């Protein structure tokens, strides 16, 4: 199960990276297209959808790898038991907040599908299609937070802490800037 979850979160990170690559390629195409006199106005719609997809698909991966902003000023000065208790409390709060986000993402996208909402830009497609990245990304984020909660409840070290410690052990402090 652990391997499947890690593959899922890494796959979401790769998908986010592909969205960023797509943004890059689309922006190059739009720039060259404008210079060549092509109509490229719809590219802006697609780039905005890719930007949202990159953000939402990256959330679970970034969280698991310790790339989210965490304020550990208090945690660093606590003993192991108090630190664990605060990690558990924080993960419960995060799970509730992210589940609430996912609930509304699903509901919002379902309503777009139900009412047959169409995109309002130059590329007219059912808006629920690009909104699916919001749904899938937020559901993956819920899964990642719940996974970390289970790890900590079982007495393990959070993955995001372990990953940061491994980077620091290699002398890599690039994420701390």
N, C-alpha and C. Protein backbone atom coordinates (compact mmCIF):
# COMPACT_ATOMS: atom_id res chain seq x y z
N UNK A 1 0.83 -1.19 0.00
CA UNK A 1 0.00 0.00 0.00
C UNK A 1 0.88 1.26 0.00
N UNK A 2 1.96 1.21 0.79
CA UNK A 2 2.86 2.35 0.88
C UNK A 2 3.44 2.69 -0.50
N UNK A 3 3.85 1.66 -1.22
CA UNK A 3 4.44 1.87 -2.55
C UNK A 3 3.41 2.47 -3.51
N UNK A 4 2.18 1.99 -3.45
CA UNK A 4 1.13 2.51 -4.33
C UNK A 4 0.85 3.98 -4.04
N UNK A 5 0.77 4.33 -2.76
CA UNK A 5 0.53 5.73 -2.39
C UNK A 5 1.69 6.62 -2.84
N UNK A 6 2.91 6.17 -2.62
CA UNK A 6 4.08 6.96 -3.04
C UNK A 6 4.10 7.15 -4.55
N UNK A 7 3.76 6.09 -5.29
CA UNK A 7 3.68 6.20 -6.76
C UNK A 7 2.59 7.18 -7.18
N UNK A 8 1.47 7.15 -6.47
CA UNK A 8 0.36 8.06 -6.78
C UNK A 8 0.78 9.52 -6.56
N UNK A 9 1.41 9.80 -5.41
CA UNK A 9 1.82 11.17 -5.12
C UNK A 9 2.93 11.64 -6.06
N UNK A 10 3.87 10.74 -6.36
CA UNK A 10 4.92 11.09 -7.32
C UNK A 10 4.35 11.30 -8.72
N UNK A 11 3.36 10.48 -9.08
CA UNK A 11 2.70 10.67 -10.37
C UNK A 11 2.00 12.01 -10.47
N UNK A 12 1.38 12.43 -9.38
CA UNK A 12 0.73 13.75 -9.36
C UNK A 12 1.78 14.85 -9.51
N UNK A 13 2.93 14.68 -8.88
CA UNK A 13 4.01 15.66 -9.03
C UNK A 13 4.52 15.71 -10.46
N UNK A 14 4.62 14.55 -11.09
CA UNK A 14 5.06 14.51 -12.49
C UNK A 14 4.03 15.16 -13.42
N UNK A 15 2.76 14.92 -13.11
CA UNK A 15 1.70 15.54 -13.90
C UNK A 15 1.74 17.06 -13.76
N UNK A 16 2.01 17.54 -12.55
CA UNK A 16 2.15 18.99 -12.33
C UNK A 16 3.32 19.53 -13.15
N UNK A 17 4.43 18.79 -13.16
CA UNK A 17 5.59 19.21 -13.95
C UNK A 17 5.26 19.24 -15.44
N UNK A 18 4.49 18.27 -15.92
CA UNK A 18 4.07 18.26 -17.33
C UNK A 18 3.19 19.47 -17.64
N UNK A 19 2.36 19.87 -16.69
CA UNK A 19 1.53 21.06 -16.89
C UNK A 19 2.40 22.31 -17.01
N UNK A 20 3.45 22.38 -16.22
CA UNK A 20 4.37 23.51 -16.30
C UNK A 20 5.10 23.51 -17.64
N UNK A 21 5.49 22.33 -18.09
CA UNK A 21 6.10 22.22 -19.42
C UNK A 21 5.11 22.66 -20.51
N UNK A 22 3.86 22.26 -20.36
CA UNK A 22 2.84 22.66 -21.33
C UNK A 22 2.67 24.18 -21.34
N UNK A 23 2.69 24.79 -20.17
CA UNK A 23 2.60 26.26 -20.09
C UNK A 23 3.76 26.89 -20.86
N UNK A 24 4.96 26.38 -20.62
CA UNK A 24 6.14 26.90 -21.30
C UNK A 24 6.00 26.79 -22.82
N UNK A 25 5.61 25.60 -23.29
CA UNK A 25 5.49 25.37 -24.73
C UNK A 25 4.37 26.21 -25.34
N UNK A 26 3.26 26.32 -24.64
CA UNK A 26 2.15 27.13 -25.14
C UNK A 26 2.51 28.61 -25.21
N UNK A 27 3.26 29.07 -24.20
CA UNK A 27 3.68 30.48 -24.21
C UNK A 27 4.67 30.75 -25.35
N UNK A 28 5.56 29.80 -25.60
CA UNK A 28 6.47 29.95 -26.74
C UNK A 28 5.69 29.99 -28.05
N UNK A 29 4.74 29.07 -28.17
CA UNK A 29 3.92 29.02 -29.37
C UNK A 29 3.14 30.32 -29.55
N UNK A 30 2.56 30.84 -28.47
CA UNK A 30 1.78 32.08 -28.56
C UNK A 30 2.67 33.25 -28.97
N UNK A 31 3.87 33.30 -28.42
CA UNK A 31 4.80 34.39 -28.78
C UNK A 31 5.19 34.31 -30.25
N UNK A 32 5.56 33.13 -30.69
CA UNK A 32 5.94 32.94 -32.09
C UNK A 32 4.74 33.14 -33.00
N UNK A 33 3.58 32.68 -32.56
CA UNK A 33 2.37 32.82 -33.36
C UNK A 33 1.96 34.27 -33.55
N UNK A 34 2.10 35.07 -32.50
CA UNK A 34 1.79 36.50 -32.64
C UNK A 34 2.71 37.16 -33.66
N UNK A 35 3.98 36.81 -33.58
CA UNK A 35 4.96 37.38 -34.52
C UNK A 35 4.66 36.94 -35.96
N UNK A 36 4.10 35.74 -36.11
CA UNK A 36 3.78 35.21 -37.44
C UNK A 36 2.39 35.62 -37.90
N UNK A 37 1.68 36.37 -37.07
CA UNK A 37 0.35 36.83 -37.45
C UNK A 37 -0.76 35.81 -37.24
N UNK A 38 -0.50 34.77 -36.44
CA UNK A 38 -1.51 33.75 -36.17
C UNK A 38 -2.44 34.20 -35.04
N UNK A 39 -3.63 33.66 -35.04
CA UNK A 39 -4.56 33.92 -33.93
C UNK A 39 -4.22 32.96 -32.80
N UNK A 40 -3.82 33.52 -31.69
CA UNK A 40 -3.40 32.68 -30.57
C UNK A 40 -4.10 33.08 -29.26
N UNK A 41 -5.20 33.82 -29.36
CA UNK A 41 -5.90 34.30 -28.17
C UNK A 41 -6.39 33.21 -27.25
N UNK A 42 -6.81 32.09 -27.80
CA UNK A 42 -7.30 30.99 -26.97
C UNK A 42 -6.23 30.33 -26.13
N UNK A 43 -4.98 30.57 -26.47
CA UNK A 43 -3.87 29.99 -25.71
C UNK A 43 -3.92 30.46 -24.25
N UNK A 44 -4.33 31.70 -24.04
CA UNK A 44 -4.39 32.23 -22.67
C UNK A 44 -5.34 31.42 -21.80
N UNK A 45 -6.47 30.98 -22.37
CA UNK A 45 -7.41 30.14 -21.61
C UNK A 45 -6.75 28.83 -21.21
N UNK A 46 -6.11 28.20 -22.17
CA UNK A 46 -5.48 26.90 -21.91
C UNK A 46 -4.34 27.04 -20.90
N UNK A 47 -3.56 28.11 -21.02
CA UNK A 47 -2.47 28.34 -20.07
C UNK A 47 -3.03 28.53 -18.66
N UNK A 48 -4.13 29.24 -18.53
CA UNK A 48 -4.70 29.44 -17.19
C UNK A 48 -5.18 28.11 -16.60
N UNK A 49 -5.76 27.25 -17.44
CA UNK A 49 -6.19 25.94 -16.95
C UNK A 49 -4.99 25.08 -16.57
N UNK A 50 -3.93 25.15 -17.35
CA UNK A 50 -2.71 24.38 -17.03
C UNK A 50 -2.07 24.89 -15.74
N UNK A 51 -2.15 26.20 -15.52
CA UNK A 51 -1.59 26.78 -14.29
C UNK A 51 -2.34 26.26 -13.07
N UNK A 52 -3.67 26.25 -13.16
CA UNK A 52 -4.47 25.72 -12.05
C UNK A 52 -4.18 24.23 -11.85
N UNK A 53 -4.09 23.48 -12.94
CA UNK A 53 -3.82 22.04 -12.84
C UNK A 53 -2.45 21.80 -12.21
N UNK A 54 -1.45 22.57 -12.62
CA UNK A 54 -0.11 22.41 -12.04
C UNK A 54 -0.14 22.66 -10.54
N UNK A 55 -0.87 23.68 -10.13
CA UNK A 55 -0.95 24.01 -8.70
C UNK A 55 -1.62 22.90 -7.91
N UNK A 56 -2.75 22.43 -8.38
CA UNK A 56 -3.50 21.44 -7.61
C UNK A 56 -2.86 20.06 -7.65
N UNK A 57 -2.29 19.67 -8.79
CA UNK A 57 -1.63 18.36 -8.83
C UNK A 57 -0.35 18.35 -8.01
N UNK A 58 0.27 19.49 -7.82
CA UNK A 58 1.52 19.55 -7.07
C UNK A 58 1.31 19.52 -5.55
N UNK A 59 0.12 19.81 -5.07
CA UNK A 59 -0.09 19.96 -3.62
C UNK A 59 0.28 18.72 -2.83
N UNK A 60 -0.23 17.57 -3.20
CA UNK A 60 0.04 16.35 -2.43
C UNK A 60 1.53 16.02 -2.46
N UNK A 61 2.13 16.11 -3.64
CA UNK A 61 3.55 15.81 -3.78
C UNK A 61 4.40 16.77 -2.94
N UNK A 62 4.11 18.05 -3.03
CA UNK A 62 4.87 19.05 -2.27
C UNK A 62 4.70 18.83 -0.77
N UNK A 63 3.49 18.53 -0.33
CA UNK A 63 3.24 18.28 1.09
C UNK A 63 4.05 17.09 1.59
N UNK A 64 4.00 15.99 0.86
CA UNK A 64 4.71 14.78 1.28
C UNK A 64 6.22 14.97 1.31
N UNK A 65 6.75 15.85 0.45
CA UNK A 65 8.19 16.05 0.38
C UNK A 65 8.70 17.19 1.25
N UNK A 66 7.82 17.75 2.07
CA UNK A 66 8.25 18.80 2.99
C UNK A 66 8.47 20.14 2.32
N UNK A 67 7.81 20.35 1.18
CA UNK A 67 8.00 21.59 0.43
C UNK A 67 6.91 22.62 0.72
N UNK A 68 6.01 22.32 1.62
CA UNK A 68 5.04 23.31 2.07
C UNK A 68 5.69 24.15 3.15
N UNK A 69 5.24 25.35 3.32
CA UNK A 69 5.76 26.21 4.37
C UNK A 69 5.26 25.68 5.71
N UNK A 70 6.19 25.39 6.59
CA UNK A 70 5.85 24.96 7.95
C UNK A 70 6.60 25.84 8.93
N UNK A 71 5.88 26.34 9.89
CA UNK A 71 6.50 27.15 10.93
C UNK A 71 6.78 26.22 12.10
N UNK A 72 8.05 25.89 12.29
CA UNK A 72 8.43 24.90 13.31
C UNK A 72 9.12 25.55 14.51
N UNK A 73 8.97 26.85 14.64
CA UNK A 73 9.62 27.56 15.73
C UNK A 73 9.25 26.97 17.09
N UNK A 74 7.98 26.66 17.29
CA UNK A 74 7.54 26.07 18.55
C UNK A 74 7.92 24.60 18.61
N UNK A 75 7.68 23.86 17.52
CA UNK A 75 7.95 22.42 17.49
C UNK A 75 9.42 22.10 17.80
N UNK A 76 10.32 22.94 17.31
CA UNK A 76 11.75 22.68 17.52
C UNK A 76 12.17 22.79 18.98
N UNK A 77 11.36 23.41 19.80
CA UNK A 77 11.71 23.60 21.22
C UNK A 77 10.92 22.68 22.15
N UNK A 78 10.21 21.72 21.59
CA UNK A 78 9.41 20.81 22.39
C UNK A 78 10.06 19.44 22.47
N UNK A 79 9.68 18.71 23.51
CA UNK A 79 10.12 17.34 23.63
C UNK A 79 9.37 16.45 22.67
N UNK A 80 9.79 15.18 22.54
CA UNK A 80 9.18 14.27 21.57
C UNK A 80 7.67 14.06 21.75
N UNK A 81 7.21 13.94 23.00
CA UNK A 81 5.78 13.69 23.23
C UNK A 81 4.93 14.90 22.86
N UNK A 82 5.37 16.07 23.28
CA UNK A 82 4.61 17.29 22.97
C UNK A 82 4.65 17.57 21.47
N UNK A 83 5.79 17.33 20.86
CA UNK A 83 5.91 17.54 19.41
C UNK A 83 4.95 16.62 18.66
N UNK A 84 4.93 15.36 19.07
CA UNK A 84 4.03 14.39 18.42
C UNK A 84 2.57 14.80 18.60
N UNK A 85 2.22 15.26 19.80
CA UNK A 85 0.84 15.68 20.06
C UNK A 85 0.46 16.87 19.17
N UNK A 86 1.37 17.82 19.02
CA UNK A 86 1.09 18.96 18.15
C UNK A 86 1.04 18.57 16.67
N UNK A 87 1.90 17.64 16.27
CA UNK A 87 1.85 17.14 14.88
C UNK A 87 0.49 16.50 14.61
N UNK A 88 0.02 15.68 15.56
CA UNK A 88 -1.28 15.02 15.40
C UNK A 88 -2.40 16.05 15.33
N UNK A 89 -2.38 17.01 16.24
CA UNK A 89 -3.41 18.05 16.24
C UNK A 89 -3.38 18.83 14.92
N UNK A 90 -2.19 19.18 14.47
CA UNK A 90 -2.04 19.93 13.22
C UNK A 90 -2.55 19.11 12.03
N UNK A 91 -2.24 17.83 12.02
CA UNK A 91 -2.69 16.99 10.91
C UNK A 91 -4.20 16.78 10.93
N UNK A 92 -4.80 16.71 12.14
CA UNK A 92 -6.26 16.62 12.22
C UNK A 92 -6.90 17.89 11.67
N UNK A 93 -6.36 19.04 12.05
CA UNK A 93 -6.89 20.32 11.55
C UNK A 93 -6.70 20.42 10.04
N UNK A 94 -5.51 20.04 9.57
CA UNK A 94 -5.25 20.07 8.13
C UNK A 94 -6.19 19.13 7.39
N UNK A 95 -6.41 17.94 7.95
CA UNK A 95 -7.30 16.97 7.30
C UNK A 95 -8.72 17.54 7.19
N UNK A 96 -9.18 18.18 8.25
CA UNK A 96 -10.52 18.78 8.22
C UNK A 96 -10.59 19.91 7.17
N UNK A 97 -9.58 20.76 7.15
CA UNK A 97 -9.58 21.89 6.22
C UNK A 97 -9.49 21.43 4.77
N UNK A 98 -8.61 20.47 4.51
CA UNK A 98 -8.42 20.00 3.14
C UNK A 98 -9.61 19.17 2.68
N UNK A 99 -10.23 18.44 3.58
CA UNK A 99 -11.44 17.69 3.24
C UNK A 99 -12.56 18.66 2.88
N UNK A 100 -12.66 19.76 3.61
CA UNK A 100 -13.65 20.79 3.31
C UNK A 100 -13.38 21.37 1.92
N UNK A 101 -12.11 21.64 1.61
CA UNK A 101 -11.74 22.13 0.28
C UNK A 101 -12.17 21.13 -0.79
N UNK A 102 -11.85 19.86 -0.58
CA UNK A 102 -12.18 18.83 -1.57
C UNK A 102 -13.69 18.69 -1.74
N UNK A 103 -14.42 18.76 -0.65
CA UNK A 103 -15.88 18.68 -0.72
C UNK A 103 -16.43 19.77 -1.64
N UNK A 104 -15.97 20.99 -1.43
CA UNK A 104 -16.46 22.10 -2.25
C UNK A 104 -15.94 22.02 -3.68
N UNK A 105 -14.76 21.50 -3.87
CA UNK A 105 -14.26 21.32 -5.24
C UNK A 105 -15.14 20.34 -6.00
N UNK A 106 -15.49 19.24 -5.36
CA UNK A 106 -16.35 18.24 -5.99
C UNK A 106 -17.73 18.83 -6.26
N UNK A 107 -18.26 19.50 -5.27
CA UNK A 107 -19.61 20.07 -5.42
C UNK A 107 -19.64 21.14 -6.53
N UNK A 108 -18.65 22.02 -6.52
CA UNK A 108 -18.56 23.08 -7.50
C UNK A 108 -18.45 22.52 -8.92
N UNK A 109 -17.60 21.51 -9.08
CA UNK A 109 -17.41 20.90 -10.40
C UNK A 109 -18.65 20.11 -10.83
N UNK A 110 -19.27 19.44 -9.89
CA UNK A 110 -20.50 18.71 -10.19
C UNK A 110 -21.59 19.67 -10.66
N UNK A 111 -21.70 20.81 -10.00
CA UNK A 111 -22.71 21.79 -10.41
C UNK A 111 -22.40 22.34 -11.80
N UNK A 112 -21.13 22.53 -12.10
CA UNK A 112 -20.76 22.98 -13.44
C UNK A 112 -21.18 21.95 -14.49
N UNK A 113 -21.00 20.69 -14.17
CA UNK A 113 -21.40 19.61 -15.08
C UNK A 113 -22.93 19.56 -15.18
N UNK A 114 -23.59 19.63 -14.01
CA UNK A 114 -25.04 19.51 -13.95
C UNK A 114 -25.73 20.64 -14.74
N UNK A 115 -25.21 21.86 -14.62
CA UNK A 115 -25.83 23.01 -15.30
C UNK A 115 -25.25 23.26 -16.68
N UNK A 116 -24.35 22.37 -17.11
CA UNK A 116 -23.73 22.47 -18.43
C UNK A 116 -23.04 23.82 -18.65
N UNK A 117 -22.33 24.28 -17.60
CA UNK A 117 -21.57 25.54 -17.71
C UNK A 117 -20.48 25.40 -18.76
N UNK A 118 -20.31 26.43 -19.52
CA UNK A 118 -19.28 26.45 -20.56
C UNK A 118 -18.23 27.51 -20.18
N UNK A 119 -17.01 27.28 -20.61
CA UNK A 119 -15.94 28.24 -20.38
C UNK A 119 -16.30 29.55 -21.07
N UNK A 120 -15.97 30.66 -20.44
CA UNK A 120 -16.36 31.95 -20.95
C UNK A 120 -15.33 32.63 -21.82
N UNK A 121 -14.22 31.99 -22.09
CA UNK A 121 -13.17 32.61 -22.89
C UNK A 121 -13.31 32.29 -24.36
N UNK A 122 -12.19 32.33 -25.04
CA UNK A 122 -12.18 32.04 -26.48
C UNK A 122 -12.28 30.54 -26.77
N UNK A 123 -11.81 29.72 -25.85
CA UNK A 123 -11.93 28.27 -25.99
C UNK A 123 -13.18 27.85 -25.21
N UNK A 124 -14.22 27.54 -25.94
CA UNK A 124 -15.51 27.22 -25.31
C UNK A 124 -15.64 25.71 -25.20
N UNK A 125 -15.44 25.23 -23.97
CA UNK A 125 -15.61 23.82 -23.65
C UNK A 125 -16.38 23.75 -22.34
N UNK A 126 -16.94 22.60 -22.01
CA UNK A 126 -17.57 22.47 -20.69
C UNK A 126 -16.52 22.77 -19.61
N UNK A 127 -16.85 23.68 -18.72
CA UNK A 127 -15.87 24.15 -17.74
C UNK A 127 -15.51 23.07 -16.71
N UNK A 128 -16.36 22.06 -16.57
CA UNK A 128 -16.04 21.01 -15.61
C UNK A 128 -14.78 20.23 -16.02
N UNK A 129 -14.45 20.25 -17.30
CA UNK A 129 -13.27 19.50 -17.75
C UNK A 129 -11.99 20.07 -17.14
N UNK A 130 -11.70 21.37 -17.28
CA UNK A 130 -10.51 21.88 -16.60
C UNK A 130 -10.67 21.91 -15.07
N UNK A 131 -11.91 21.96 -14.58
CA UNK A 131 -12.12 21.96 -13.13
C UNK A 131 -11.78 20.62 -12.49
N UNK A 132 -11.72 19.56 -13.30
CA UNK A 132 -11.38 18.24 -12.75
C UNK A 132 -10.01 18.24 -12.07
N UNK A 133 -9.09 19.07 -12.55
CA UNK A 133 -7.77 19.12 -11.89
C UNK A 133 -7.90 19.63 -10.46
N UNK A 134 -8.83 20.54 -10.22
CA UNK A 134 -9.12 21.04 -8.88
C UNK A 134 -9.64 19.91 -8.00
N UNK A 135 -10.57 19.12 -8.54
CA UNK A 135 -11.13 18.00 -7.80
C UNK A 135 -10.07 16.95 -7.50
N UNK A 136 -9.39 16.49 -8.54
CA UNK A 136 -8.40 15.41 -8.35
C UNK A 136 -7.25 15.85 -7.46
N UNK A 137 -6.77 17.07 -7.67
CA UNK A 137 -5.67 17.57 -6.85
C UNK A 137 -6.05 17.71 -5.40
N UNK A 138 -7.24 18.21 -5.12
CA UNK A 138 -7.65 18.37 -3.73
C UNK A 138 -7.92 17.01 -3.08
N UNK A 139 -8.47 16.06 -3.84
CA UNK A 139 -8.67 14.71 -3.27
C UNK A 139 -7.33 14.03 -2.97
N UNK A 140 -6.35 14.21 -3.85
CA UNK A 140 -5.01 13.67 -3.59
C UNK A 140 -4.39 14.32 -2.36
N UNK A 141 -4.64 15.60 -2.19
CA UNK A 141 -4.12 16.32 -1.02
C UNK A 141 -4.76 15.78 0.26
N UNK A 142 -6.06 15.51 0.23
CA UNK A 142 -6.73 14.89 1.39
C UNK A 142 -6.07 13.55 1.70
N UNK A 143 -5.86 12.76 0.68
CA UNK A 143 -5.24 11.45 0.87
C UNK A 143 -3.84 11.58 1.47
N UNK A 144 -3.07 12.56 1.00
CA UNK A 144 -1.71 12.76 1.51
C UNK A 144 -1.73 13.17 2.98
N UNK A 145 -2.64 14.06 3.35
CA UNK A 145 -2.72 14.49 4.76
C UNK A 145 -3.18 13.34 5.64
N UNK A 146 -4.18 12.59 5.19
CA UNK A 146 -4.64 11.44 5.98
C UNK A 146 -3.55 10.38 6.09
N UNK A 147 -2.79 10.18 5.04
CA UNK A 147 -1.66 9.25 5.08
C UNK A 147 -0.66 9.67 6.15
N UNK A 148 -0.32 10.94 6.18
CA UNK A 148 0.62 11.43 7.19
C UNK A 148 0.04 11.29 8.59
N UNK A 149 -1.24 11.54 8.74
CA UNK A 149 -1.89 11.38 10.04
C UNK A 149 -1.78 9.94 10.53
N UNK A 150 -2.03 9.00 9.65
CA UNK A 150 -1.92 7.58 10.02
C UNK A 150 -0.47 7.24 10.39
N UNK A 151 0.47 7.74 9.64
CA UNK A 151 1.89 7.48 9.94
C UNK A 151 2.24 7.98 11.33
N UNK A 152 1.81 9.20 11.66
CA UNK A 152 2.14 9.78 12.96
C UNK A 152 1.37 9.08 14.07
N UNK A 153 0.11 8.74 13.84
CA UNK A 153 -0.67 8.01 14.86
C UNK A 153 -0.07 6.65 15.17
N UNK A 154 0.58 6.04 14.18
CA UNK A 154 1.24 4.74 14.39
C UNK A 154 2.61 4.89 15.03
N UNK A 155 3.00 6.12 15.33
CA UNK A 155 4.27 6.35 15.99
C UNK A 155 5.43 6.66 15.07
N UNK A 156 5.17 6.79 13.79
CA UNK A 156 6.22 7.07 12.83
C UNK A 156 6.53 8.56 12.72
N UNK A 157 7.64 8.83 12.08
CA UNK A 157 8.04 10.21 11.80
C UNK A 157 7.32 10.65 10.53
N UNK A 158 6.76 11.87 10.54
CA UNK A 158 6.09 12.34 9.32
C UNK A 158 7.04 12.32 8.12
N UNK A 159 6.50 11.93 6.98
CA UNK A 159 7.31 11.86 5.76
C UNK A 159 7.91 13.21 5.43
N UNK A 160 7.13 14.27 5.61
CA UNK A 160 7.63 15.60 5.28
C UNK A 160 8.80 16.01 6.16
N UNK A 161 8.85 15.54 7.38
CA UNK A 161 9.99 15.82 8.27
C UNK A 161 11.18 14.97 7.83
N UNK A 162 10.92 13.69 7.56
CA UNK A 162 11.98 12.79 7.14
C UNK A 162 12.64 13.27 5.84
N UNK A 163 11.83 13.71 4.89
CA UNK A 163 12.37 14.17 3.60
C UNK A 163 13.25 15.41 3.77
N UNK A 164 12.82 16.33 4.62
CA UNK A 164 13.62 17.54 4.87
C UNK A 164 14.93 17.16 5.57
N UNK A 165 14.85 16.25 6.54
CA UNK A 165 16.07 15.81 7.23
C UNK A 165 17.04 15.14 6.27
N UNK A 166 16.51 14.34 5.34
CA UNK A 166 17.38 13.68 4.35
C UNK A 166 18.05 14.71 3.44
N UNK A 167 17.31 15.73 3.03
CA UNK A 167 17.91 16.78 2.21
C UNK A 167 19.00 17.52 2.98
N UNK A 168 18.73 17.83 4.23
CA UNK A 168 19.72 18.53 5.05
C UNK A 168 20.96 17.66 5.28
N UNK A 169 20.77 16.36 5.45
CA UNK A 169 21.90 15.45 5.64
C UNK A 169 22.81 15.43 4.41
N UNK A 170 22.22 15.66 3.23
CA UNK A 170 23.02 15.72 2.00
C UNK A 170 23.63 17.11 1.80
N UNK A 171 23.33 18.03 2.72
CA UNK A 171 23.86 19.39 2.59
C UNK A 171 23.00 20.26 1.69
N UNK A 172 21.79 19.82 1.39
CA UNK A 172 20.89 20.57 0.51
C UNK A 172 19.93 21.39 1.36
N UNK A 173 20.15 22.69 1.39
CA UNK A 173 19.27 23.59 2.13
C UNK A 173 18.50 24.50 1.17
N UNK A 174 18.43 24.11 -0.09
CA UNK A 174 17.81 24.97 -1.11
C UNK A 174 16.34 25.24 -0.83
N UNK A 175 15.64 24.34 -0.22
CA UNK A 175 14.22 24.54 0.06
C UNK A 175 13.99 25.44 1.27
N UNK A 176 15.04 25.76 2.01
CA UNK A 176 14.91 26.55 3.22
C UNK A 176 15.09 28.04 2.97
N UNK A 177 15.31 28.42 1.73
CA UNK A 177 15.53 29.83 1.43
C UNK A 177 14.27 30.62 1.42
